[in-house]
N, C-alpha and C. Protein backbone atom coordinates (compact mmCIF):
# COMPACT_ATOMS: atom_id res chain seq x y z
N MET A 1 118.76 69.94 84.88
CA MET A 1 117.92 69.64 83.89
C MET A 1 117.46 70.97 83.08
N TYR A 2 117.58 71.05 81.99
CA TYR A 2 117.01 72.36 81.39
C TYR A 2 116.27 71.81 80.07
N ALA A 3 115.75 72.52 79.04
CA ALA A 3 115.12 72.34 77.87
C ALA A 3 115.82 72.70 77.08
N LYS A 4 115.83 72.02 75.98
CA LYS A 4 116.50 72.69 74.62
C LYS A 4 115.50 72.28 73.28
N THR A 5 115.95 72.46 72.31
CA THR A 5 115.05 72.12 71.18
C THR A 5 115.99 71.87 70.11
N LYS A 6 115.52 70.82 69.29
CA LYS A 6 116.25 70.09 68.23
C LYS A 6 115.25 70.07 66.93
N THR A 7 116.07 70.63 66.13
CA THR A 7 115.52 70.87 64.77
C THR A 7 116.12 69.95 63.61
N PHE A 8 114.86 69.56 62.75
CA PHE A 8 115.10 68.21 61.56
C PHE A 8 114.50 69.04 60.35
N THR A 9 115.38 68.71 59.37
CA THR A 9 114.79 69.40 57.85
C THR A 9 114.21 68.09 57.21
N ASN A 10 113.11 68.33 56.94
CA ASN A 10 112.17 67.63 55.93
C ASN A 10 112.73 67.61 54.66
N LYS A 11 112.13 66.54 53.74
CA LYS A 11 112.71 66.25 52.36
C LYS A 11 112.33 67.55 51.38
N ASP A 12 111.25 68.18 51.73
CA ASP A 12 110.77 69.12 51.09
C ASP A 12 111.37 70.57 51.20
N GLY A 13 112.51 70.51 52.44
CA GLY A 13 113.19 71.68 53.01
C GLY A 13 112.18 72.33 54.02
N SER A 14 111.36 72.03 54.41
CA SER A 14 110.56 72.63 55.61
C SER A 14 111.22 72.13 56.81
N LYS A 15 111.11 72.67 57.90
CA LYS A 15 111.76 72.52 59.37
C LYS A 15 110.78 72.19 60.13
N ARG A 16 111.05 70.85 61.25
CA ARG A 16 110.39 71.08 62.52
C ARG A 16 110.92 70.93 63.49
N THR A 17 110.57 71.11 64.58
CA THR A 17 111.50 71.88 65.79
C THR A 17 110.86 70.84 67.00
N TYR A 18 111.58 69.99 67.85
CA TYR A 18 110.85 69.62 68.92
C TYR A 18 111.80 69.91 70.49
N VAL A 19 110.90 69.94 71.27
CA VAL A 19 111.33 70.30 72.60
C VAL A 19 111.82 69.35 73.61
N GLN A 20 113.00 69.02 74.05
CA GLN A 20 113.35 68.05 74.69
C GLN A 20 113.70 68.54 76.16
N ILE A 21 113.58 67.73 77.22
CA ILE A 21 114.35 67.85 78.78
C ILE A 21 115.75 67.20 78.61
N VAL A 22 116.79 68.13 78.63
CA VAL A 22 117.96 67.33 79.06
C VAL A 22 118.79 67.45 80.10
N GLU A 23 119.63 66.73 80.46
CA GLU A 23 120.61 66.86 81.56
C GLU A 23 122.06 66.43 81.31
N ALA A 24 123.02 67.58 82.12
CA ALA A 24 124.16 67.19 81.54
C ALA A 24 124.76 65.98 82.51
N VAL A 25 125.48 65.37 81.93
CA VAL A 25 125.85 64.39 82.91
C VAL A 25 127.47 64.04 82.36
N ARG A 26 128.32 63.24 83.37
CA ARG A 26 129.67 63.15 83.09
C ARG A 26 129.68 61.71 82.78
N GLU A 27 130.37 61.31 81.72
CA GLU A 27 130.88 59.94 81.15
C GLU A 27 132.19 60.02 80.79
N HIS A 28 132.97 59.00 81.63
CA HIS A 28 134.48 58.73 81.21
C HIS A 28 135.06 60.21 81.29
N GLY A 29 134.79 61.06 82.04
CA GLY A 29 135.64 62.45 82.22
C GLY A 29 135.05 63.49 81.13
N LYS A 30 134.07 62.87 80.43
CA LYS A 30 133.58 64.19 79.45
C LYS A 30 131.92 64.47 79.87
N VAL A 31 131.71 65.61 79.39
CA VAL A 31 130.05 65.85 79.87
C VAL A 31 129.45 65.77 78.75
N ARG A 32 128.44 65.17 78.62
CA ARG A 32 127.33 65.25 77.27
C ARG A 32 126.19 65.34 77.74
N GLN A 33 125.09 65.66 76.94
CA GLN A 33 123.48 65.56 77.24
C GLN A 33 122.74 64.49 77.10
N LYS A 34 122.03 64.37 78.25
CA LYS A 34 121.28 62.98 78.16
C LYS A 34 119.86 63.51 78.17
N VAL A 35 119.37 63.20 76.97
CA VAL A 35 117.52 63.37 76.99
C VAL A 35 116.91 62.63 77.96
N VAL A 36 116.38 63.50 78.78
CA VAL A 36 115.34 62.88 79.71
C VAL A 36 113.95 62.44 79.12
N ALA A 37 113.49 63.44 78.29
CA ALA A 37 112.01 63.28 78.00
C ALA A 37 111.91 64.31 76.75
N ASN A 38 111.24 63.61 75.49
CA ASN A 38 110.89 64.42 74.15
C ASN A 38 109.77 64.83 74.72
N LEU A 39 109.23 66.40 74.44
CA LEU A 39 108.01 66.77 74.93
C LEU A 39 106.92 66.86 73.58
N GLY A 40 107.57 67.15 72.50
CA GLY A 40 106.92 66.92 71.07
C GLY A 40 107.36 68.09 70.15
N ARG A 41 106.56 68.42 69.24
CA ARG A 41 106.77 69.28 68.19
C ARG A 41 106.44 70.48 69.02
N ILE A 42 107.11 71.66 68.79
CA ILE A 42 107.11 72.96 69.55
C ILE A 42 105.76 73.77 69.00
N ASP A 43 105.51 73.63 67.93
CA ASP A 43 104.40 74.14 67.43
C ASP A 43 102.98 73.59 67.83
N GLU A 44 102.89 72.25 68.16
CA GLU A 44 101.74 71.57 69.18
C GLU A 44 101.91 71.82 70.32
N LEU A 45 102.88 72.11 70.66
CA LEU A 45 103.04 72.35 72.34
C LEU A 45 102.66 73.99 72.55
N GLN A 46 102.71 74.51 71.77
CA GLN A 46 102.35 76.10 71.96
C GLN A 46 100.90 76.41 72.15
N LYS A 47 100.24 75.44 71.60
CA LYS A 47 98.58 75.44 71.40
C LYS A 47 98.05 75.44 72.54
N GLY A 48 98.94 75.02 73.60
CA GLY A 48 98.41 75.12 75.17
C GLY A 48 98.81 74.06 75.83
N SER A 49 99.26 72.94 75.56
CA SER A 49 99.67 71.96 76.27
C SER A 49 101.19 72.16 77.04
N LEU A 50 101.97 73.24 76.57
CA LEU A 50 103.13 73.50 76.94
C LEU A 50 102.78 74.11 78.14
N ASP A 51 102.19 75.22 78.39
CA ASP A 51 101.48 75.94 79.33
C ASP A 51 100.96 75.57 80.61
N ARG A 52 99.94 74.02 80.08
CA ARG A 52 99.64 73.37 81.11
C ARG A 52 100.56 72.47 81.81
N LEU A 53 101.55 72.11 80.96
CA LEU A 53 102.65 71.24 81.82
C LEU A 53 103.61 72.07 82.65
N ILE A 54 103.91 73.70 82.45
CA ILE A 54 104.47 74.19 83.17
C ILE A 54 103.84 74.59 84.52
N ALA A 55 102.32 74.93 84.32
CA ALA A 55 101.69 75.05 85.62
C ALA A 55 101.80 73.75 86.50
N SER A 56 101.62 72.76 85.86
CA SER A 56 101.77 71.30 86.81
C SER A 56 103.11 71.00 87.37
N LEU A 57 104.03 71.70 86.72
CA LEU A 57 105.62 71.47 87.40
C LEU A 57 105.32 72.40 88.02
N ALA A 58 105.05 73.54 88.26
CA ALA A 58 105.45 74.71 89.25
C ALA A 58 104.87 74.29 90.46
N LYS A 59 104.05 73.39 90.64
CA LYS A 59 103.70 73.32 92.23
C LYS A 59 104.54 72.31 92.88
N PHE A 60 105.65 71.63 92.13
CA PHE A 60 106.56 70.89 92.96
C PHE A 60 107.89 71.90 93.14
N SER A 61 107.68 72.91 92.81
CA SER A 61 109.22 73.85 93.42
C SER A 61 108.64 74.79 94.28
N LYS A 62 109.58 74.82 94.97
CA LYS A 62 109.37 75.92 96.55
C LYS A 62 109.30 77.32 95.81
N THR A 63 109.82 77.99 94.81
CA THR A 63 109.67 79.36 94.47
C THR A 63 108.84 79.38 93.29
N LYS A 64 108.90 78.54 92.43
CA LYS A 64 107.98 79.26 91.28
C LYS A 64 106.64 78.76 91.64
N TRP A 65 106.39 78.17 92.55
CA TRP A 65 105.04 77.98 92.70
C TRP A 65 104.30 79.24 93.32
N ILE A 66 105.15 79.76 94.30
CA ILE A 66 104.80 80.75 95.06
C ILE A 66 104.41 81.57 94.19
N GLN A 67 105.23 81.98 92.90
CA GLN A 67 105.36 82.96 92.16
C GLN A 67 104.62 82.70 91.13
N ALA A 68 104.13 81.61 90.92
CA ALA A 68 102.84 81.63 89.99
C ALA A 68 101.42 81.70 90.81
N GLU A 69 101.47 81.39 91.88
CA GLU A 69 100.19 81.78 92.72
C GLU A 69 99.68 83.11 93.12
N ALA A 70 101.18 83.79 93.08
CA ALA A 70 101.00 84.98 93.27
C ALA A 70 100.45 86.10 92.12
N ASP A 71 100.78 85.49 90.93
CA ASP A 71 100.41 86.27 89.98
C ASP A 71 98.72 86.15 89.94
N LYS A 72 98.37 85.25 90.52
CA LYS A 72 96.81 85.13 90.47
C LYS A 72 96.23 86.13 90.86
N LEU A 73 96.85 86.90 92.05
CA LEU A 73 96.08 87.83 92.96
C LEU A 73 96.07 89.20 92.19
N MET A 74 94.97 89.44 92.21
CA MET A 74 94.89 90.88 91.43
C MET A 74 94.07 92.05 92.85
N VAL A 75 94.93 92.64 93.05
CA VAL A 75 94.46 94.28 94.08
C VAL A 75 94.03 95.15 92.97
N HIS A 76 92.48 95.01 93.71
CA HIS A 76 91.36 96.13 92.90
C HIS A 76 91.59 97.49 93.77
N SER A 77 91.87 97.39 95.10
CA SER A 77 91.99 98.56 95.74
C SER A 77 92.58 98.22 97.26
N ALA A 78 93.18 98.85 97.64
CA ALA A 78 93.98 99.07 99.01
C ALA A 78 93.44 100.07 99.94
N LYS A 79 93.07 99.93 101.19
CA LYS A 79 92.45 100.82 101.91
C LYS A 79 93.45 100.83 103.57
N GLU A 80 93.56 101.71 104.01
CA GLU A 80 94.17 101.83 105.24
C GLU A 80 93.56 101.31 106.39
N TRP A 81 93.92 100.63 107.10
CA TRP A 81 92.95 99.99 108.31
C TRP A 81 93.62 100.02 109.49
N GLY A 82 94.93 100.11 109.84
CA GLY A 82 95.67 99.97 110.93
C GLY A 82 95.08 101.07 111.99
N LEU A 83 95.25 102.45 111.28
CA LEU A 83 94.72 103.65 111.97
C LEU A 83 93.30 103.52 113.02
N ASP A 84 92.51 103.02 112.29
CA ASP A 84 91.04 102.91 112.86
C ASP A 84 91.19 101.77 113.69
N LEU A 85 91.77 100.71 113.61
CA LEU A 85 92.01 99.71 114.41
C LEU A 85 92.56 99.70 115.91
N ILE A 86 93.62 100.84 115.95
CA ILE A 86 94.29 101.19 117.07
C ILE A 86 93.27 102.37 117.89
N PHE A 87 93.18 103.21 117.08
CA PHE A 87 92.46 104.59 117.58
C PHE A 87 90.99 104.20 117.93
N ARG A 88 90.20 103.56 117.28
CA ARG A 88 88.91 103.25 117.70
C ARG A 88 88.75 102.45 118.91
N HIS A 89 89.55 101.74 119.25
CA HIS A 89 89.80 101.12 120.53
C HIS A 89 89.81 102.18 121.89
N LEU A 90 90.65 103.19 121.78
CA LEU A 90 90.73 104.18 122.48
C LEU A 90 89.66 105.27 122.23
N TRP A 91 89.25 105.25 121.72
CA TRP A 91 87.96 106.02 121.30
C TRP A 91 86.49 105.52 121.84
N GLU A 92 86.54 104.25 122.15
CA GLU A 92 85.55 103.56 122.74
C GLU A 92 85.68 103.42 124.50
N GLN A 93 87.06 103.30 124.60
CA GLN A 93 87.64 103.42 125.77
C GLN A 93 86.98 104.55 126.47
N LEU A 94 87.56 105.65 126.11
CA LEU A 94 86.83 107.23 126.79
C LEU A 94 85.73 107.19 126.57
N GLY A 95 84.90 106.18 125.97
CA GLY A 95 83.23 106.64 126.21
C GLY A 95 82.78 107.30 124.96
N LEU A 96 83.85 108.18 124.02
CA LEU A 96 83.10 109.25 123.49
C LEU A 96 82.18 108.99 122.23
N ASP A 97 82.03 107.85 121.55
CA ASP A 97 80.95 107.29 120.93
C ASP A 97 79.63 107.62 121.63
N PHE A 98 79.42 107.13 122.85
CA PHE A 98 78.41 107.38 124.03
C PHE A 98 78.23 108.86 124.26
N ILE A 99 79.28 109.36 124.49
CA ILE A 99 78.98 110.71 124.82
C ILE A 99 78.31 111.75 123.93
N LEU A 100 79.12 111.32 122.67
CA LEU A 100 78.70 112.42 121.11
C LEU A 100 77.44 112.14 121.11
N LYS A 101 76.69 110.91 121.00
CA LYS A 101 75.61 110.29 120.42
C LYS A 101 74.34 110.84 121.47
N ARG A 102 74.78 111.04 122.87
CA ARG A 102 73.94 111.38 123.66
C ARG A 102 73.54 112.99 123.63
N HIS A 103 74.61 113.49 123.55
CA HIS A 103 74.54 114.89 123.01
C HIS A 103 73.94 115.17 121.78
N PHE A 104 74.16 114.71 120.90
CA PHE A 104 73.49 114.64 119.23
C PHE A 104 72.40 114.32 119.22
N SER A 105 71.51 113.72 120.27
CA SER A 105 70.46 112.95 120.44
C SER A 105 69.33 113.69 119.62
N GLN A 106 69.44 114.73 119.72
CA GLN A 106 68.17 115.63 118.98
C GLN A 106 68.61 115.84 117.72
N ALA A 107 69.55 115.49 116.90
CA ALA A 107 69.76 115.38 115.57
C ALA A 107 69.06 114.42 114.62
N TYR A 108 68.57 114.65 113.68
CA TYR A 108 67.98 113.14 112.88
C TYR A 108 69.14 112.23 112.37
N SER A 109 70.12 112.34 112.35
CA SER A 109 71.03 111.62 112.12
C SER A 109 72.33 111.50 113.30
N CYS A 110 71.87 111.47 114.42
CA CYS A 110 73.12 111.48 115.43
C CYS A 110 74.32 110.75 115.23
N SER A 111 73.86 109.48 114.76
CA SER A 111 75.09 108.44 114.44
C SER A 111 75.90 108.71 113.56
N GLN A 112 75.37 109.22 112.52
CA GLN A 112 76.30 109.73 111.33
C GLN A 112 77.29 111.14 111.72
N LEU A 113 76.76 111.93 112.67
CA LEU A 113 77.34 113.36 112.88
C LEU A 113 78.71 112.88 114.09
N ALA A 114 78.07 111.51 114.85
CA ALA A 114 79.21 111.15 115.58
C ALA A 114 80.26 110.44 115.10
N GLU A 115 79.82 109.59 113.67
CA GLU A 115 81.13 108.99 113.32
C GLU A 115 81.59 110.03 112.38
N ALA A 116 80.94 111.18 112.19
CA ALA A 116 81.77 112.35 111.39
C ALA A 116 82.78 112.98 112.18
N VAL A 117 82.32 113.37 113.58
CA VAL A 117 83.34 113.69 114.42
C VAL A 117 84.65 112.56 114.37
N TYR A 118 84.37 111.38 114.63
CA TYR A 118 85.38 110.50 114.50
C TYR A 118 86.25 110.45 113.69
N ALA A 119 85.82 110.70 112.51
CA ALA A 119 86.69 110.59 111.09
C ALA A 119 87.36 111.95 111.26
N MET A 120 86.73 113.16 111.66
CA MET A 120 87.81 114.07 111.44
C MET A 120 88.66 114.15 112.51
N VAL A 121 88.53 113.40 113.58
CA VAL A 121 89.77 113.32 114.52
C VAL A 121 91.11 112.57 113.94
N LEU A 122 90.31 111.34 113.64
CA LEU A 122 90.97 110.29 112.94
C LEU A 122 92.15 111.14 111.91
N SER A 123 91.47 111.76 111.25
CA SER A 123 92.28 112.46 110.02
C SER A 123 93.70 113.52 110.68
N ARG A 124 92.73 114.03 111.79
CA ARG A 124 93.92 115.25 112.41
C ARG A 124 94.93 114.30 112.50
N ILE A 125 94.73 113.05 113.28
CA ILE A 125 96.07 112.32 113.79
C ILE A 125 96.75 111.85 112.82
N SER A 126 96.30 111.44 111.27
CA SER A 126 97.11 110.85 110.60
C SER A 126 97.46 111.94 109.42
N ASP A 127 96.75 112.66 108.98
CA ASP A 127 96.96 113.72 108.00
C ASP A 127 96.09 114.96 108.09
N PRO A 128 96.44 115.74 109.00
CA PRO A 128 95.36 116.92 109.04
C PRO A 128 94.77 117.73 107.73
N LEU A 129 93.53 117.46 107.35
CA LEU A 129 93.37 118.06 105.98
C LEU A 129 92.17 119.41 106.21
N SER A 130 91.85 119.89 104.94
CA SER A 130 90.38 120.61 105.35
C SER A 130 89.23 119.87 105.36
N LYS A 131 88.43 120.03 105.38
CA LYS A 131 86.81 119.22 105.62
C LYS A 131 86.77 119.02 104.29
N ARG A 132 86.82 119.24 102.94
CA ARG A 132 86.67 118.81 101.79
C ARG A 132 88.02 117.39 101.72
N GLY A 133 89.13 117.96 102.46
CA GLY A 133 90.30 116.95 101.94
C GLY A 133 89.97 115.50 102.61
N VAL A 134 89.27 115.95 104.08
CA VAL A 134 88.73 114.70 104.92
C VAL A 134 87.89 114.15 104.21
N ASN A 135 86.95 114.47 103.56
CA ASN A 135 85.82 113.92 102.96
C ASN A 135 86.56 112.89 101.75
N GLU A 136 87.48 113.29 100.84
CA GLU A 136 88.31 112.68 100.10
C GLU A 136 89.10 111.65 100.70
N TRP A 137 90.01 112.07 101.98
CA TRP A 137 90.89 110.90 102.68
C TRP A 137 89.77 109.87 103.04
N LEU A 138 88.75 109.90 103.27
CA LEU A 138 87.85 108.81 103.99
C LEU A 138 87.78 107.76 103.04
N LYS A 139 87.89 107.89 102.06
CA LYS A 139 87.69 106.92 100.60
C LYS A 139 89.10 105.86 100.68
N GLU A 140 90.17 106.38 101.57
CA GLU A 140 91.52 105.44 101.57
C GLU A 140 91.47 104.76 102.77
N VAL A 141 90.27 105.09 103.62
CA VAL A 141 90.50 104.21 104.99
C VAL A 141 89.49 103.16 105.12
N TYR A 142 89.64 102.03 105.46
CA TYR A 142 88.75 101.09 105.64
C TYR A 142 88.55 100.82 106.68
N ARG A 143 86.61 101.32 106.97
CA ARG A 143 85.82 101.25 108.02
C ARG A 143 84.20 101.93 107.49
N PRO A 144 83.74 100.59 107.14
CA PRO A 144 82.35 100.71 106.28
C PRO A 144 81.35 101.77 106.91
N SER A 145 81.44 102.26 108.39
CA SER A 145 80.60 103.23 108.40
C SER A 145 81.00 104.51 107.56
N PHE A 146 82.32 104.71 107.16
CA PHE A 146 82.44 105.41 106.54
C PHE A 146 82.03 106.11 105.20
N ASP A 147 81.26 105.21 105.00
CA ASP A 147 80.97 105.07 103.21
C ASP A 147 79.65 105.78 103.27
N GLN A 148 79.05 105.83 104.35
CA GLN A 148 77.66 106.61 104.55
C GLN A 148 77.80 108.15 104.98
N LEU A 149 78.97 108.65 105.12
CA LEU A 149 79.25 110.05 105.42
C LEU A 149 79.54 110.78 104.00
N GLU A 150 79.08 111.98 104.13
CA GLU A 150 78.96 113.04 103.21
C GLU A 150 79.48 114.40 103.59
N LEU A 151 80.24 114.94 102.61
CA LEU A 151 80.75 116.56 103.11
C LEU A 151 79.83 117.04 104.38
N HIS A 152 78.41 117.42 104.13
CA HIS A 152 77.52 117.94 104.78
C HIS A 152 77.42 117.37 106.32
N HIS A 153 77.91 116.30 106.35
CA HIS A 153 77.68 115.55 107.59
C HIS A 153 78.80 116.18 108.71
N LEU A 154 80.21 116.37 107.85
CA LEU A 154 81.47 117.19 108.59
C LEU A 154 81.01 118.45 109.07
N TYR A 155 80.42 119.29 108.31
CA TYR A 155 79.97 120.72 108.76
C TYR A 155 79.21 120.62 109.75
N ARG A 156 77.83 120.01 109.60
CA ARG A 156 76.89 119.64 110.64
C ARG A 156 77.45 119.26 112.03
N ALA A 157 78.63 118.29 111.76
CA ALA A 157 78.97 117.83 113.05
C ALA A 157 79.88 118.84 113.83
N LEU A 158 80.22 119.69 113.11
CA LEU A 158 80.98 121.13 113.62
C LEU A 158 80.36 122.02 114.55
N ASP A 159 78.84 122.21 113.71
CA ASP A 159 78.06 123.05 114.45
C ASP A 159 77.43 122.30 115.96
N PHE A 160 77.15 121.01 115.92
CA PHE A 160 76.89 120.41 117.06
C PHE A 160 77.80 120.68 117.89
N LEU A 161 79.21 120.18 117.89
CA LEU A 161 79.99 120.33 118.40
C LEU A 161 80.33 121.82 119.35
N ALA A 162 79.89 122.69 118.51
CA ALA A 162 80.30 124.07 119.19
C ALA A 162 79.21 124.22 120.00
N GLU A 163 77.94 123.54 119.63
CA GLU A 163 76.85 124.13 120.54
C GLU A 163 76.86 123.11 121.97
N TYR A 164 77.48 121.95 121.97
CA TYR A 164 77.53 121.02 123.11
C TYR A 164 78.85 121.04 123.59
N LYS A 165 79.67 121.95 123.11
CA LYS A 165 81.03 121.84 123.59
C LYS A 165 81.26 121.55 125.07
N GLU A 166 80.88 122.58 126.01
CA GLU A 166 80.97 122.24 127.38
C GLU A 166 80.29 121.10 127.99
N GLY A 167 79.30 120.74 127.68
CA GLY A 167 78.83 119.50 128.06
C GLY A 167 79.81 118.01 127.70
N ILE A 168 80.07 118.16 126.16
CA ILE A 168 80.89 117.07 126.18
C ILE A 168 81.97 117.04 126.75
N GLU A 169 82.80 118.31 126.79
CA GLU A 169 84.04 118.26 127.94
C GLU A 169 84.11 117.80 129.10
N LEU A 170 82.96 118.15 129.93
CA LEU A 170 82.78 117.72 131.27
C LEU A 170 82.55 116.35 131.07
N ASP A 171 81.90 115.55 130.54
CA ASP A 171 81.41 114.14 130.13
C ASP A 171 82.65 113.38 130.05
N LEU A 172 83.70 114.19 129.08
CA LEU A 172 84.94 113.40 128.80
C LEU A 172 85.75 113.48 129.83
N PHE A 173 85.79 114.67 130.67
CA PHE A 173 86.72 114.72 131.74
C PHE A 173 86.34 113.76 132.85
N ASP A 174 84.95 113.72 133.04
CA ASP A 174 84.58 112.62 134.01
C ASP A 174 84.81 111.00 133.64
N SER A 175 84.96 110.71 132.17
CA SER A 175 85.24 109.60 131.67
C SER A 175 86.49 109.23 132.05
N THR A 176 87.58 110.30 131.48
CA THR A 176 89.03 109.76 131.77
C THR A 176 89.31 109.96 133.28
N ARG A 177 88.58 110.51 134.18
CA ARG A 177 88.90 110.50 135.71
C ARG A 177 88.82 109.02 135.95
N ASN A 178 87.13 108.50 135.47
CA ASN A 178 86.83 107.13 136.16
C ASN A 178 87.98 106.00 135.42
N LEU A 179 88.15 106.24 134.25
CA LEU A 179 88.88 105.27 133.44
C LEU A 179 90.23 105.17 134.20
N PHE A 180 91.08 106.17 134.29
CA PHE A 180 92.32 105.75 135.28
C PHE A 180 92.15 106.18 136.64
N ASP A 181 90.89 106.25 137.29
CA ASP A 181 90.78 106.35 138.71
C ASP A 181 91.57 107.19 139.17
N LEU A 182 91.38 108.64 138.67
CA LEU A 182 92.10 110.12 139.10
C LEU A 182 91.19 110.74 140.34
N GLU A 183 92.03 111.23 141.05
CA GLU A 183 91.65 112.04 142.21
C GLU A 183 92.10 113.45 141.78
N VAL A 184 91.20 114.36 141.55
CA VAL A 184 91.53 115.79 141.05
C VAL A 184 91.96 116.86 142.43
N ASP A 185 92.86 116.84 142.70
CA ASP A 185 93.57 117.38 144.21
C ASP A 185 93.84 119.03 143.46
N MET A 186 94.39 119.14 142.43
CA MET A 186 94.83 120.41 141.73
C MET A 186 94.66 120.87 140.44
N ILE A 187 94.06 121.88 139.99
CA ILE A 187 93.69 122.17 138.77
C ILE A 187 94.94 123.43 138.18
N PHE A 188 95.32 122.93 137.09
CA PHE A 188 96.46 124.04 136.59
C PHE A 188 95.77 125.17 135.60
N TRP A 189 95.94 126.23 135.94
CA TRP A 189 95.07 127.43 134.80
C TRP A 189 96.08 128.17 133.90
N ASP A 190 96.45 127.69 132.71
CA ASP A 190 97.49 128.47 131.62
C ASP A 190 96.75 129.84 131.54
N THR A 191 97.41 130.84 131.99
CA THR A 191 97.23 132.01 131.57
C THR A 191 98.12 132.95 130.56
N THR A 192 98.63 132.25 130.08
CA THR A 192 99.76 132.90 129.31
C THR A 192 99.41 133.87 128.15
N SER A 193 98.01 133.58 127.70
CA SER A 193 97.86 134.71 126.39
C SER A 193 96.80 135.76 127.39
N THR A 194 96.57 135.50 128.66
CA THR A 194 95.33 136.31 129.35
C THR A 194 96.41 138.04 129.42
N TYR A 195 95.50 138.80 129.05
CA TYR A 195 96.14 140.18 129.06
C TYR A 195 94.54 141.13 129.60
N PHE A 196 94.81 142.24 130.27
CA PHE A 196 93.98 143.43 130.39
C PHE A 196 94.27 144.57 130.08
N GLU A 197 93.00 145.21 129.39
CA GLU A 197 93.52 146.88 129.00
C GLU A 197 92.42 147.52 129.66
N GLY A 198 92.54 148.95 129.58
CA GLY A 198 91.52 149.95 130.23
C GLY A 198 91.71 150.33 131.70
N ARG A 199 90.98 151.01 132.34
CA ARG A 199 91.30 151.65 133.67
C ARG A 199 90.09 150.99 134.39
N GLY A 200 90.44 150.70 135.40
CA GLY A 200 89.69 150.31 136.57
C GLY A 200 90.25 149.86 138.12
N PRO A 201 89.76 149.32 138.98
CA PRO A 201 89.62 149.06 140.30
C PRO A 201 91.49 148.70 140.14
N GLU A 202 92.06 148.82 141.19
CA GLU A 202 93.74 148.17 141.15
C GLU A 202 93.60 146.76 141.66
N ASP A 203 92.08 146.54 142.15
CA ASP A 203 92.17 144.65 142.58
C ASP A 203 91.60 144.31 141.50
N ARG A 204 91.16 144.90 140.46
CA ARG A 204 90.39 144.24 139.05
C ARG A 204 91.01 142.91 138.65
N ARG A 205 92.14 143.02 138.44
CA ARG A 205 92.96 141.89 137.71
C ARG A 205 92.84 140.60 138.92
N ASN A 206 93.04 140.63 140.11
CA ASN A 206 92.70 139.90 141.09
C ASN A 206 91.37 138.88 141.02
N TRP A 207 90.62 139.83 141.25
CA TRP A 207 88.95 139.38 141.25
C TRP A 207 88.68 138.86 139.90
N ALA A 208 89.52 139.26 138.77
CA ALA A 208 88.91 138.35 137.48
C ALA A 208 89.48 136.89 137.49
N VAL A 209 90.82 137.22 138.11
CA VAL A 209 91.39 135.58 137.85
C VAL A 209 90.94 134.63 138.98
N THR A 210 90.47 135.37 140.03
CA THR A 210 90.21 134.16 141.03
C THR A 210 88.76 133.58 141.45
N VAL A 211 87.70 134.81 140.47
CA VAL A 211 86.39 134.45 140.71
C VAL A 211 85.90 133.92 139.46
N THR A 212 86.51 134.51 138.35
CA THR A 212 85.76 134.14 136.95
C THR A 212 86.33 132.66 136.66
N PRO A 213 85.43 131.52 136.30
CA PRO A 213 85.57 130.32 136.04
C PRO A 213 86.22 129.96 134.67
N LYS A 214 86.26 131.19 133.64
CA LYS A 214 86.81 130.88 132.33
C LYS A 214 87.58 132.04 132.24
N ILE A 215 89.12 131.46 131.14
CA ILE A 215 89.91 132.42 130.89
C ILE A 215 89.64 133.91 130.32
N ILE A 216 89.57 134.80 130.65
CA ILE A 216 89.32 136.09 130.25
C ILE A 216 90.45 136.57 129.22
N ASP A 217 90.07 136.83 128.03
CA ASP A 217 91.40 136.86 126.83
C ASP A 217 91.18 138.74 127.01
N ARG A 218 90.50 139.34 127.15
CA ARG A 218 90.50 140.73 127.31
C ARG A 218 89.46 141.20 127.80
N THR A 219 89.55 142.17 128.86
CA THR A 219 88.50 142.80 129.48
C THR A 219 88.80 144.35 129.62
N GLU A 220 87.62 145.24 129.35
CA GLU A 220 87.86 146.77 129.32
C GLU A 220 86.85 147.27 130.32
N SER A 221 87.15 148.02 131.03
CA SER A 221 86.41 149.15 132.19
C SER A 221 86.20 150.29 131.23
N ARG A 222 85.17 150.91 131.43
CA ARG A 222 84.40 152.04 130.58
C ARG A 222 84.04 153.05 131.85
């Protein structure tokens, strides 16, 4: 079935057009059009009744109804969610949120600073950016707590990370060891970039490597 129009001429020369629903049928070996329904004059139907008819018929179609409903959907904004959904679970499994807040407890807004650290880590995983870039990138990520973050929170979080770095690393190591039930039997120490300059006792190198708990990037003996 399909729609067609049929036009008639009035006595005064004006014309009127009607909309019909017709179907092609075969009779006596010939195809002819059979009028299924007369919908009325097209100028009257275009005032709104034709649109309502089309909308009501669309729900009986498997494809047109879906298209019609999809047209009603208006996407005002779209934000990334999957990244936070996955890595926030890992973040909490490692206890990082608790560790950061415990070390940042002296800060006025420790919750925001801990969230700022998480935001920078998430950005580093997804799309490494400058701090200003991260501040803009957060607008594209769906996490309600990110709405409270501002650029100064990112910079302040870095200051606190530098201040409490050693304690955070030790707590994270303990958390990882407990989470995976690890037994620390051997420690590997990367000395690739370690070197010494200057004059000193012949055993100075052995003493520095075996006794000092931190990697020495440069030592000088005067």
